[in-house]
Amino acid sequence: MNEISIPIPHFGENQIAEVEVTVNGKKKKYNYRVESFPWKVTVPAGDMEEQISETQLKIDNLRNMLEEYNHGWEIVQIFTPREQAEYIQVLFRQRHQHQN
């Protein structure tokens, strides 16, 4: 098992959580953050057959923002936005871990 899930109460958007874990007597520290990205797009007018779906536009927009995101952080999870959401949350883990 490479992953464990730890519920963190009251963990808000754009916050960083530091998690320290002891594995076989060795302490490791991990940093996580949740970021919010815009999830609304304007669908261009035009022939319906030529239009990209609204969902595809949202995905393309998010992909572009994530490609430009700080490369010191890796994506852990993209949360499913609720219907009519204006933002989508993404969980990141810091790539270079601090070890004690």
N, C-alpha and C. Protein backbone atom coordinates (compact mmCIF):
# COMPACT_ATOMS: atom_id res chain seq x y z
N MET A 1 0.85 -1.17 0.00
CA MET A 1 0.00 0.00 0.00
C MET A 1 0.90 1.24 0.00
N ASN A 2 0.72 2.12 -0.98
CA ASN A 2 1.53 3.33 -1.09
C ASN A 2 0.83 4.58 -0.60
N GLU A 3 -0.47 4.51 -0.42
CA GLU A 3 -1.23 5.70 -0.05
C GLU A 3 -2.12 5.39 1.14
N ILE A 4 -2.31 6.38 2.01
CA ILE A 4 -3.31 6.28 3.07
C ILE A 4 -4.13 7.56 3.05
N SER A 5 -5.34 7.48 3.51
CA SER A 5 -6.22 8.65 3.53
C SER A 5 -6.39 9.10 4.97
N ILE A 6 -6.14 10.39 5.20
CA ILE A 6 -6.25 10.95 6.54
C ILE A 6 -7.21 12.14 6.48
N PRO A 7 -8.40 11.99 7.04
CA PRO A 7 -9.33 13.13 7.08
C PRO A 7 -8.77 14.25 7.97
N ILE A 8 -8.77 15.46 7.46
CA ILE A 8 -8.30 16.61 8.24
C ILE A 8 -9.48 17.56 8.39
N PRO A 9 -10.02 17.69 9.61
CA PRO A 9 -11.18 18.55 9.82
C PRO A 9 -10.85 20.02 9.54
N HIS A 10 -11.81 20.70 8.96
CA HIS A 10 -11.72 22.13 8.70
C HIS A 10 -10.54 22.51 7.82
N PHE A 11 -10.17 21.65 6.89
CA PHE A 11 -9.08 21.93 5.96
C PHE A 11 -9.67 22.73 4.81
N GLY A 12 -9.35 24.02 4.76
CA GLY A 12 -9.95 24.91 3.79
C GLY A 12 -9.16 25.00 2.50
N GLU A 13 -9.71 25.75 1.58
CA GLU A 13 -9.07 25.97 0.28
C GLU A 13 -7.78 26.75 0.47
N ASN A 14 -6.81 26.47 -0.38
CA ASN A 14 -5.53 27.18 -0.42
C ASN A 14 -4.78 27.16 0.91
N GLN A 15 -4.90 26.06 1.64
CA GLN A 15 -4.14 25.89 2.87
C GLN A 15 -3.11 24.79 2.66
N ILE A 16 -2.08 24.77 3.50
CA ILE A 16 -1.06 23.73 3.44
C ILE A 16 -1.14 22.92 4.73
N ALA A 17 -1.22 21.59 4.58
CA ALA A 17 -1.21 20.69 5.73
C ALA A 17 0.14 19.99 5.76
N GLU A 18 0.76 19.98 6.92
CA GLU A 18 2.01 19.24 7.09
C GLU A 18 1.69 17.96 7.83
N VAL A 19 2.07 16.83 7.25
CA VAL A 19 1.78 15.52 7.84
C VAL A 19 3.11 14.84 8.13
N GLU A 20 3.29 14.41 9.38
CA GLU A 20 4.51 13.69 9.74
C GLU A 20 4.13 12.24 10.04
N VAL A 21 4.83 11.32 9.41
CA VAL A 21 4.53 9.90 9.53
C VAL A 21 5.80 9.17 9.95
N THR A 22 5.67 8.20 10.82
CA THR A 22 6.80 7.36 11.20
C THR A 22 6.60 5.99 10.55
N VAL A 23 7.56 5.59 9.72
CA VAL A 23 7.52 4.30 9.03
C VAL A 23 8.80 3.55 9.40
N ASN A 24 8.63 2.38 10.02
CA ASN A 24 9.78 1.59 10.47
C ASN A 24 10.77 2.41 11.28
N GLY A 25 10.24 3.26 12.15
CA GLY A 25 11.09 4.04 13.03
C GLY A 25 11.67 5.30 12.41
N LYS A 26 11.43 5.54 11.13
CA LYS A 26 11.95 6.74 10.46
C LYS A 26 10.81 7.73 10.24
N LYS A 27 11.05 8.98 10.66
CA LYS A 27 10.03 10.02 10.49
C LYS A 27 10.16 10.64 9.11
N LYS A 28 9.01 10.85 8.47
CA LYS A 28 8.95 11.52 7.18
C LYS A 28 7.88 12.59 7.26
N LYS A 29 8.16 13.72 6.62
CA LYS A 29 7.23 14.85 6.64
C LYS A 29 6.75 15.11 5.22
N TYR A 30 5.44 15.28 5.07
CA TYR A 30 4.83 15.53 3.76
C TYR A 30 4.01 16.81 3.84
N ASN A 31 4.05 17.60 2.79
CA ASN A 31 3.25 18.82 2.72
C ASN A 31 2.22 18.67 1.61
N TYR A 32 0.98 19.04 1.94
CA TYR A 32 -0.13 18.97 1.00
C TYR A 32 -0.79 20.33 0.94
N ARG A 33 -1.39 20.62 -0.19
CA ARG A 33 -2.19 21.84 -0.29
C ARG A 33 -3.37 21.57 -1.22
N VAL A 34 -4.45 22.28 -0.95
CA VAL A 34 -5.64 22.23 -1.81
C VAL A 34 -5.76 23.59 -2.46
N GLU A 35 -5.85 23.59 -3.78
CA GLU A 35 -6.01 24.84 -4.52
C GLU A 35 -7.36 24.80 -5.25
N SER A 36 -7.93 25.96 -5.44
CA SER A 36 -9.19 26.09 -6.18
C SER A 36 -8.91 26.76 -7.52
N PHE A 37 -9.48 26.20 -8.57
CA PHE A 37 -9.32 26.74 -9.92
C PHE A 37 -10.70 27.03 -10.50
N PRO A 38 -10.82 28.08 -11.33
CA PRO A 38 -12.11 28.40 -11.94
C PRO A 38 -12.64 27.20 -12.74
N TRP A 39 -13.95 26.95 -12.63
CA TRP A 39 -14.57 25.82 -13.30
C TRP A 39 -15.70 26.26 -14.23
N LYS A 40 -15.89 27.56 -14.36
CA LYS A 40 -16.92 28.07 -15.29
C LYS A 40 -16.24 28.54 -16.55
N VAL A 41 -16.87 28.28 -17.67
CA VAL A 41 -16.36 28.74 -18.96
C VAL A 41 -17.52 29.29 -19.77
N THR A 42 -17.18 30.08 -20.77
CA THR A 42 -18.18 30.59 -21.71
C THR A 42 -18.07 29.78 -22.98
N VAL A 43 -19.18 29.15 -23.36
CA VAL A 43 -19.19 28.35 -24.58
C VAL A 43 -19.37 29.29 -25.77
N PRO A 44 -18.44 29.27 -26.73
CA PRO A 44 -18.55 30.17 -27.88
C PRO A 44 -19.77 29.84 -28.74
N ALA A 45 -20.36 30.89 -29.30
CA ALA A 45 -21.51 30.70 -30.19
C ALA A 45 -21.01 30.14 -31.53
N GLY A 46 -21.87 29.41 -32.21
CA GLY A 46 -21.49 28.86 -33.50
C GLY A 46 -22.26 27.59 -33.81
N ASP A 47 -21.88 26.93 -34.87
CA ASP A 47 -22.51 25.69 -35.30
C ASP A 47 -22.30 24.63 -34.22
N MET A 48 -23.37 24.00 -33.75
CA MET A 48 -23.29 23.01 -32.68
C MET A 48 -22.35 21.86 -33.02
N GLU A 49 -22.27 21.46 -34.29
CA GLU A 49 -21.40 20.35 -34.66
C GLU A 49 -19.92 20.72 -34.51
N GLU A 50 -19.60 21.99 -34.63
CA GLU A 50 -18.21 22.44 -34.54
C GLU A 50 -17.81 22.83 -33.12
N GLN A 51 -18.80 23.00 -32.25
CA GLN A 51 -18.49 23.43 -30.89
C GLN A 51 -17.88 22.31 -30.07
N ILE A 52 -16.96 22.70 -29.23
CA ILE A 52 -16.44 21.77 -28.24
C ILE A 52 -17.43 21.81 -27.08
N SER A 53 -17.67 20.68 -26.47
CA SER A 53 -18.63 20.64 -25.36
C SER A 53 -18.15 21.52 -24.21
N GLU A 54 -19.07 21.98 -23.40
CA GLU A 54 -18.73 22.81 -22.24
C GLU A 54 -17.80 22.06 -21.30
N THR A 55 -18.06 20.78 -21.10
CA THR A 55 -17.21 19.97 -20.23
C THR A 55 -15.79 19.91 -20.77
N GLN A 56 -15.64 19.72 -22.07
CA GLN A 56 -14.30 19.65 -22.67
C GLN A 56 -13.58 20.98 -22.52
N LEU A 57 -14.30 22.09 -22.66
CA LEU A 57 -13.68 23.40 -22.46
C LEU A 57 -13.19 23.57 -21.03
N LYS A 58 -13.99 23.10 -20.06
CA LYS A 58 -13.59 23.18 -18.65
C LYS A 58 -12.33 22.36 -18.41
N ILE A 59 -12.30 21.15 -18.96
CA ILE A 59 -11.14 20.27 -18.78
C ILE A 59 -9.90 20.88 -19.42
N ASP A 60 -10.04 21.40 -20.64
CA ASP A 60 -8.90 22.03 -21.32
C ASP A 60 -8.38 23.23 -20.53
N ASN A 61 -9.30 24.03 -19.99
CA ASN A 61 -8.92 25.20 -19.20
C ASN A 61 -8.16 24.77 -17.95
N LEU A 62 -8.67 23.76 -17.24
CA LEU A 62 -8.00 23.26 -16.04
C LEU A 62 -6.63 22.69 -16.40
N ARG A 63 -6.55 21.93 -17.47
CA ARG A 63 -5.27 21.34 -17.90
C ARG A 63 -4.23 22.43 -18.14
N ASN A 64 -4.63 23.51 -18.80
CA ASN A 64 -3.70 24.62 -19.06
C ASN A 64 -3.22 25.26 -17.76
N MET A 65 -4.12 25.45 -16.80
CA MET A 65 -3.73 26.05 -15.53
C MET A 65 -2.79 25.13 -14.76
N LEU A 66 -3.05 23.81 -14.80
CA LEU A 66 -2.21 22.86 -14.07
C LEU A 66 -0.82 22.74 -14.69
N GLU A 67 -0.73 22.87 -16.01
CA GLU A 67 0.57 22.82 -16.68
C GLU A 67 1.46 23.98 -16.25
N GLU A 68 0.85 25.11 -15.91
CA GLU A 68 1.59 26.30 -15.49
C GLU A 68 1.80 26.36 -13.98
N TYR A 69 1.25 25.40 -13.25
CA TYR A 69 1.32 25.41 -11.80
C TYR A 69 2.76 25.13 -11.34
N ASN A 70 3.09 25.56 -10.16
CA ASN A 70 4.41 25.38 -9.55
C ASN A 70 4.83 23.91 -9.66
N HIS A 71 5.94 23.63 -10.34
CA HIS A 71 6.38 22.26 -10.59
C HIS A 71 6.97 21.59 -9.35
N GLY A 72 7.08 22.33 -8.24
CA GLY A 72 7.52 21.74 -6.99
C GLY A 72 6.41 20.97 -6.29
N TRP A 73 5.22 21.00 -6.87
CA TRP A 73 4.06 20.30 -6.32
C TRP A 73 3.51 19.35 -7.37
N GLU A 74 3.11 18.14 -6.94
CA GLU A 74 2.52 17.16 -7.86
C GLU A 74 1.05 16.96 -7.52
N ILE A 75 0.26 16.64 -8.53
CA ILE A 75 -1.17 16.42 -8.33
C ILE A 75 -1.38 15.07 -7.66
N VAL A 76 -2.18 15.09 -6.60
CA VAL A 76 -2.57 13.86 -5.92
C VAL A 76 -3.99 13.49 -6.33
N GLN A 77 -4.87 14.49 -6.34
CA GLN A 77 -6.27 14.21 -6.65
C GLN A 77 -6.95 15.46 -7.18
N ILE A 78 -7.82 15.26 -8.15
CA ILE A 78 -8.71 16.32 -8.63
C ILE A 78 -10.10 15.93 -8.16
N PHE A 79 -10.68 16.77 -7.32
CA PHE A 79 -11.98 16.46 -6.73
C PHE A 79 -13.10 16.73 -7.73
N THR A 80 -14.15 15.93 -7.66
CA THR A 80 -15.31 16.10 -8.53
C THR A 80 -16.07 17.35 -8.07
N PRO A 81 -16.24 18.31 -8.97
CA PRO A 81 -16.98 19.52 -8.57
C PRO A 81 -18.47 19.21 -8.48
N ARG A 82 -19.13 19.91 -7.59
CA ARG A 82 -20.59 19.73 -7.52
C ARG A 82 -21.23 20.41 -8.72
N GLU A 83 -22.45 20.06 -8.99
CA GLU A 83 -23.16 20.63 -10.14
C GLU A 83 -23.25 22.15 -10.00
N GLN A 84 -23.01 22.85 -11.06
CA GLN A 84 -23.03 24.32 -11.11
C GLN A 84 -21.90 24.97 -10.30
N ALA A 85 -20.85 24.24 -9.98
CA ALA A 85 -19.73 24.78 -9.21
C ALA A 85 -18.99 25.84 -10.04
N GLU A 86 -18.50 26.85 -9.36
CA GLU A 86 -17.70 27.88 -10.00
C GLU A 86 -16.22 27.55 -9.93
N TYR A 87 -15.85 26.68 -8.98
CA TYR A 87 -14.45 26.30 -8.78
C TYR A 87 -14.33 24.79 -8.65
N ILE A 88 -13.14 24.28 -9.00
CA ILE A 88 -12.82 22.87 -8.80
C ILE A 88 -11.57 22.82 -7.92
N GLN A 89 -11.56 21.90 -6.96
CA GLN A 89 -10.42 21.80 -6.04
C GLN A 89 -9.47 20.69 -6.50
N VAL A 90 -8.18 20.96 -6.29
CA VAL A 90 -7.12 20.01 -6.64
C VAL A 90 -6.20 19.88 -5.43
N LEU A 91 -5.88 18.63 -5.08
CA LEU A 91 -4.98 18.35 -3.97
C LEU A 91 -3.59 18.10 -4.52
N PHE A 92 -2.59 18.81 -3.97
CA PHE A 92 -1.19 18.68 -4.39
C PHE A 92 -0.35 18.19 -3.22
N ARG A 93 0.76 17.50 -3.54
CA ARG A 93 1.76 17.09 -2.56
C ARG A 93 3.09 17.70 -3.00
N GLN A 94 3.83 18.24 -2.05
CA GLN A 94 5.11 18.83 -2.37
C GLN A 94 6.08 17.73 -2.81
N ARG A 95 6.77 17.96 -3.93
CA ARG A 95 7.64 16.94 -4.53
C ARG A 95 8.87 16.63 -3.68
N HIS A 96 9.58 17.63 -3.23
CA HIS A 96 10.82 17.42 -2.46
C HIS A 96 10.47 17.40 -0.99
N GLN A 97 10.43 16.20 -0.43
CA GLN A 97 10.01 16.02 0.95
C GLN A 97 11.15 16.31 1.90
N HIS A 98 10.79 16.90 3.01
CA HIS A 98 11.76 17.14 4.10
C HIS A 98 11.82 15.88 4.95
N GLN A 99 12.99 15.43 5.28
CA GLN A 99 13.12 14.26 6.13
C GLN A 99 13.91 14.62 7.37
N ASN A 100 13.46 14.07 8.49
CA ASN A 100 14.16 14.32 9.76
C ASN A 100 15.13 13.19 10.02
